[in-house]
Amino acid sequence: MDLAISKKFEFLDSKPRLKTLFLLLFRADDFITSEELAKQLKVSARTIKSDIKFLKEEMTGKEMTIVSKRSLGYRLELSVAADENKIR
């Protein structure tokens, strides 16, 4: 991962659960529900919703966002496709 990309994700360094949540969203091919995420992270769906809110706030201005759709769940979207390959 190059330095510019790495800087975008510094806020995750000290928060392992949020980093794992981000990676689950990043690797998901489609929307994933808070219940599915909660099960994988062994926390409540309410905790996931709080963590998603925090991630959304931290991602402001970082060319990525978490899209939420009622009854479908959450999905991470990157506005720069080239960044996706650099992250992987």
C-alpha atoms as a PDB file:
ATOM      1  CA  MET A   1       0.000   0.000   0.000  1.00  0.00           C
ATOM      2  CA  ASP A   2       1.473   3.365  -0.929  1.00  0.00           C
ATOM      3  CA  LEU A   3       2.005   6.164   1.588  1.00  0.00           C
ATOM      4  CA  ALA A   4      -0.901   8.358   0.415  1.00  0.00           C
ATOM      5  CA  ILE A   5      -3.348   5.476   0.785  1.00  0.00           C
ATOM      6  CA  SER A   6      -1.842   4.507   4.111  1.00  0.00           C
ATOM      7  CA  LYS A   7      -2.407   8.044   5.453  1.00  0.00           C
ATOM      8  CA  LYS A   8      -6.124   7.806   4.594  1.00  0.00           C
ATOM      9  CA  PHE A   9      -6.449   4.848   6.948  1.00  0.00           C
ATOM     10  CA  GLU A  10      -4.337   5.992   9.895  1.00  0.00           C
ATOM     11  CA  PHE A  11      -7.489   6.496  11.969  1.00  0.00           C
ATOM     12  CA  LEU A  12      -7.953   2.692  11.970  1.00  0.00           C
ATOM     13  CA  ASP A  13      -4.504   1.883  13.405  1.00  0.00           C
ATOM     14  CA  SER A  14      -5.513   2.033  17.067  1.00  0.00           C
ATOM     15  CA  LYS A  15      -8.988   0.568  16.611  1.00  0.00           C
ATOM     16  CA  PRO A  16      -8.830  -3.124  15.664  1.00  0.00           C
ATOM     17  CA  ARG A  17     -12.613  -3.676  15.616  1.00  0.00           C
ATOM     18  CA  LEU A  18     -13.136  -0.726  13.272  1.00  0.00           C
ATOM     19  CA  LYS A  19     -10.303  -1.933  11.065  1.00  0.00           C
ATOM     20  CA  THR A  20     -11.898  -5.371  10.867  1.00  0.00           C
ATOM     21  CA  LEU A  21     -15.297  -3.809  10.124  1.00  0.00           C
ATOM     22  CA  PHE A  22     -13.757  -1.723   7.349  1.00  0.00           C
ATOM     23  CA  LEU A  23     -12.092  -4.801   5.847  1.00  0.00           C
ATOM     24  CA  LEU A  24     -15.323  -6.801   5.974  1.00  0.00           C
ATOM     25  CA  LEU A  25     -17.104  -4.017   4.114  1.00  0.00           C
ATOM     26  CA  PHE A  26     -14.224  -3.653   1.672  1.00  0.00           C
ATOM     27  CA  ARG A  27     -14.175  -7.343   0.836  1.00  0.00           C
ATOM     28  CA  ALA A  28     -17.964  -7.735   0.562  1.00  0.00           C
ATOM     29  CA  ASP A  29     -19.271  -8.098  -2.968  1.00  0.00           C
ATOM     30  CA  ASP A  30     -22.678  -6.685  -2.075  1.00  0.00           C
ATOM     31  CA  PHE A  31     -24.537  -5.105   0.816  1.00  0.00           C
ATOM     32  CA  ILE A  32     -24.032  -6.736   4.212  1.00  0.00           C
ATOM     33  CA  THR A  33     -26.453  -6.298   7.125  1.00  0.00           C
ATOM     34  CA  SER A  34     -25.568  -5.041  10.574  1.00  0.00           C
ATOM     35  CA  GLU A  35     -26.701  -8.416  11.947  1.00  0.00           C
ATOM     36  CA  GLU A  36     -24.235 -10.275   9.702  1.00  0.00           C
ATOM     37  CA  LEU A  37     -21.433  -7.898  10.659  1.00  0.00           C
ATOM     38  CA  ALA A  38     -22.331  -8.177  14.354  1.00  0.00           C
ATOM     39  CA  LYS A  39     -22.192 -11.961  14.178  1.00  0.00           C
ATOM     40  CA  GLN A  40     -18.762 -11.917  12.526  1.00  0.00           C
ATOM     41  CA  LEU A  41     -17.358  -9.391  14.999  1.00  0.00           C
ATOM     42  CA  LYS A  42     -19.133 -10.889  18.036  1.00  0.00           C
ATOM     43  CA  VAL A  43     -20.781  -7.607  19.044  1.00  0.00           C
ATOM     44  CA  SER A  44     -24.354  -6.310  18.959  1.00  0.00           C
ATOM     45  CA  ALA A  45     -26.027  -4.882  15.868  1.00  0.00           C
ATOM     46  CA  ARG A  46     -26.294  -1.595  17.796  1.00  0.00           C
ATOM     47  CA  THR A  47     -22.491  -1.531  18.219  1.00  0.00           C
ATOM     48  CA  ILE A  48     -22.110  -2.052  14.466  1.00  0.00           C
ATOM     49  CA  LYS A  49     -24.445   0.863  13.784  1.00  0.00           C
ATOM     50  CA  SER A  50     -22.412   3.084  16.118  1.00  0.00           C
ATOM     51  CA  ASP A  51     -19.168   1.951  14.509  1.00  0.00           C
ATOM     52  CA  ILE A  52     -20.580   2.591  11.017  1.00  0.00           C
ATOM     53  CA  LYS A  53     -21.538   6.108  12.094  1.00  0.00           C
ATOM     54  CA  PHE A  54     -17.985   6.702  13.349  1.00  0.00           C
ATOM     55  CA  LEU A  55     -16.462   5.305  10.141  1.00  0.00           C
ATOM     56  CA  LYS A  56     -18.721   7.495   8.003  1.00  0.00           C
ATOM     57  CA  GLU A  57     -17.574  10.586   9.911  1.00  0.00           C
ATOM     58  CA  GLU A  58     -13.896   9.614   9.638  1.00  0.00           C
ATOM     59  CA  MET A  59     -14.208   8.910   5.903  1.00  0.00           C
ATOM     60  CA  THR A  60     -15.536  12.355   5.086  1.00  0.00           C
ATOM     61  CA  GLY A  61     -13.230  13.856   2.480  1.00  0.00           C
ATOM     62  CA  LYS A  62     -11.298  10.607   1.942  1.00  0.00           C
ATOM     63  CA  GLU A  63     -12.880   9.662  -1.423  1.00  0.00           C
ATOM     64  CA  MET A  64     -14.808   6.772   0.084  1.00  0.00           C
ATOM     65  CA  THR A  65     -18.133   6.336   1.775  1.00  0.00           C
ATOM     66  CA  ILE A  66     -20.334   3.742   3.378  1.00  0.00           C
ATOM     67  CA  VAL A  67     -23.693   3.495   1.654  1.00  0.00           C
ATOM     68  CA  SER A  68     -26.604   2.212   3.698  1.00  0.00           C
ATOM     69  CA  LYS A  69     -29.894   0.890   2.338  1.00  0.00           C
ATOM     70  CA  ARG A  70     -32.796  -0.083   4.539  1.00  0.00           C
ATOM     71  CA  SER A  71     -33.209  -3.876   4.691  1.00  0.00           C
ATOM     72  CA  LEU A  72     -30.086  -4.427   2.530  1.00  0.00           C
ATOM     73  CA  GLY A  73     -27.382  -3.217   4.903  1.00  0.00           C
ATOM     74  CA  TYR A  74     -24.097  -1.465   4.219  1.00  0.00           C
ATOM     75  CA  ARG A  75     -21.603  -1.303   1.390  1.00  0.00           C
ATOM     76  CA  LEU A  76     -18.292   0.512   1.049  1.00  0.00           C
ATOM     77  CA  GLU A  77     -17.834   2.609  -2.070  1.00  0.00           C
ATOM     78  CA  LEU A  78     -14.544   4.090  -3.222  1.00  0.00           C
ATOM     79  CA  SER A  79     -14.719   7.062  -5.557  1.00  0.00           C
ATOM     80  CA  VAL A  80     -11.290   6.338  -7.013  1.00  0.00           C
ATOM     81  CA  ALA A  81     -11.150   2.855  -8.552  1.00  0.00           C
ATOM     82  CA  ALA A  82      -7.356   2.927  -8.657  1.00  0.00           C
ATOM     83  CA  ASP A  83      -7.285   3.162  -4.842  1.00  0.00           C
ATOM     84  CA  GLU A  84      -9.109  -0.151  -4.567  1.00  0.00           C
ATOM     85  CA  ASN A  85      -6.253  -1.970  -6.294  1.00  0.00           C
ATOM     86  CA  LYS A  86      -3.670  -0.207  -4.140  1.00  0.00           C
ATOM     87  CA  ILE A  87      -5.509  -1.200  -0.952  1.00  0.00           C
ATOM     88  CA  ARG A  88      -5.788  -4.827  -2.002  1.00  0.00           C
END
